[in-house]
Structures are given as C-alpha cells and as structure tokens.
Amino acid sequence: MQVSPAGRGVWKVRADSRVGVLVGDGWEIRIRPRLDIPRLMFLVAYAVNQRGWKDILAPFEEERDEVAAIASGFSWHALRAVERGPIRGYRRRDERGDALRGRVRFADQVARGGGLPIPLEISYSDYTPDVIENRMLITAASLLLRMPRVAPIARRRLLHVRSRLHGSRVLHDWRGVRAPNITRLNEHYAPALALSERVLRDLSLSEKSGQLASATFVFDMNKVFEDFVTAAFTSSMRKHGGAVRPQVGEYSLDEEAALRLRPDIGWWDGGRCLALLDAKYKAIDDGVLRHDDAYQMLAYCTAYGLDRGYLIYAKDSGAETRTHVVRNAGTKLVVRALDVRLEPEELLAHVDQLARLVAREALVAVAA
C-alpha cells in the first residue's frame, strides 16, 4: 500500500495486492478485495486441506468481512481441536531444586561452587501442554481477540480456546513460526494449525505504554492465489504421474549460480523438469501479457531447457487464453486465466483442464 499527501490535510491511499484492515488511534482503513469474501475464503480453505476444504470452509461462509471471516473460521476449528483436551508432549526442563527429580547436572553443580549439596542442578522431562501446537493456537487466539469487529460468537470461542490452553505460553516472537509436521498425534489440530499459521504470518500489533497503538491484519492476494493454484494443480496432476514441486530454487540463469531462479510450480519426472507454472493474482486485459511476467518466464524456460512456460492469472472476466511465441527463441509463453469468481467445483474443474493441457504438451515435448 502506498500513502502519499494530496494537500490540505488529505492523504491519498493506493492499494496493491494486499487486503485487510489497519487500525490506529481514532482511525481505521479497510482494503477490500475485488473477490467476494466466500470465494476468497474458498481459496484459503482449499490451500489448507484439499480433501476436507468443505469442512474448513463452513465456519467462514456467514461472514462478509475478511478479518471477521478468518477469526470465525479459526475460532471454530481451534475450539474443535482442543475440545477433547489439549495435546501434550515432553519438554526438557533445567532447574534448581531442593529435591532430586530426573537427574543431576553434575557439571553445573560443581561449576556453581560453594560445596553446598543443595539446591540441586537438575534436568527432567515434563509432560506438558506447553508444546508448539498449543502455543500457536493460544497466540493466534490472543492476537485475534485484540482486533476490532470480531463477531461476538467468534470472540466467545476465542476466549474458550485460550482458557482451555491454560499452561501453554504465548509466543513472544511469532514471525516466521511454522506449524509442525502433521502426525497421528496432532492430525485433529491440522486445520486450526494451518489457519493459525496464516494469522501469525499476517497479523501484527504495535503497543505504546502498554496500550494498543495500532493493529494490522493484511494478507497478500498474490500469496493466497499462489497457494491455491499450487494445491489445486498438485491434486489434479496426481493422475498424470510425476511430482509437483513448488518453489524449487536449484537452477540459475548463470554458471556461477548468482542468478537463482525460483518458479512457483514445477512438474518433475525424477530429476527432470517437465513443465513450469507461475501464478499471478492480476487482472489481464484481453489476454495481453505483462512484460515483466514475460521476461521472468522466459528466463525460467531458458534455465530449465523448456520450450514453453505457463503463466496462470486470476481474471476478473473475459480474458482470453493466448500463446505468445518469443521471436528468435521459439519459446512459447502460454497465458491461462482462472476465474476465481466461479463456484468452487467449477473452478476446480478448470484447474483439472489446465493439468491435462500441461501434461499433454509436456509429454509431447519429451517425445519429440
């Protein structure tokens, strides 16, 4: 977002691909997406769980505000996760105590000096709810409770989640925290963890003298669309074999590996890249390709030795699929537009069509 003075106390605000809410002392800015909230929440839910997205989506559907929708969906899934009791795990604790518990840390005991037998320097394993899964949930709940316009029912659920996770510490530095691997023990936490990761990534607070000075909950539609396309394309390509690998950065444009390339999505057969896709949340006018996107995909195709690359756009309406052939290179830049306003099943059917196209053209190129 760009903010610039327009004179006479008026400021001009220009939004980019980020949407959400910014709140300060006596002011509030809301940036609404072009996409309806139910459709936006479908993109988020499908990226979280390709098989169970309908269950994840259910709590989102009643809200018409993106922040309220995230709070509603997260609170529902978090409460569902902890209803049967928070999960626990073993954590090592190093303490001083008057009674022996676990084992004595003899090196620390001697280093402390003084020749006193107590207190003891001990280490033990504590079976505790203070594990990363619970810490992520309680931190996300605490942050959302400080946001305005959270629906009363969602606020009650968030408070209940926080009370059920008593004994779990709030994360003080939640930036970049990622959910742990999903296993048999924490699989019932999976939707709540995925949503908490988004909250922790996209929500920030600033305080002044103990009071909330500002709050920002803004997420990037480019990332939302990229996550959806990656998840949906991966699911659709399973029937065509190979493997979909996102954000592979092992190729570069130069021999010194100084110009690293990281396309959004690659379709691989072992160590060979068969196709590359880049997802862009941009409206395109009559299928006309943006120059910077074209240069980027041409660099990808050159480095990976492919004769074509696919640029996947989110479109508003009517954008036509086109193929641009690069002069003197013969590289084809295929523009495809996914209409994210469609009903979920129809949008997923379009992704299936895209997967069939990519697989067919890639295999023809390999055979040639």
Foldseek 3Di string as FASTA:
>chain_A
DDWADPDPPDIDDDDDQKFAKKDFDPDIDGGDDPAWQLLLLLLLLCLLPVVCSVVLSVQQPVDRHNLLSLLRSLLVLLLQQDVVHAAWDKDKDWDWACDADADFPVVVVVVVDPPDPDRTGYIDIDTFSQDPLLQLLLQLLVLSLPDPPHDPVSVVSSVVSNVRSPRHDHDPQLAPDADDDDDPRRVSSRSSRSSSNLSSHFKDFDDDPNHTGMIGGMDGNFVSQLSSLQSLLQVLLVVLDAGKDAQDFPWALDPVSPGTATAGIFGGDVPATLATEHEGADADDQQDDDPVVVVNVVSVCVRRVHQEYEYEYAHCDDHDWDWDQDPPRRRIYTYHYQDSNDDPVVSSVVSSVVSVVSSVVSVVVVVD
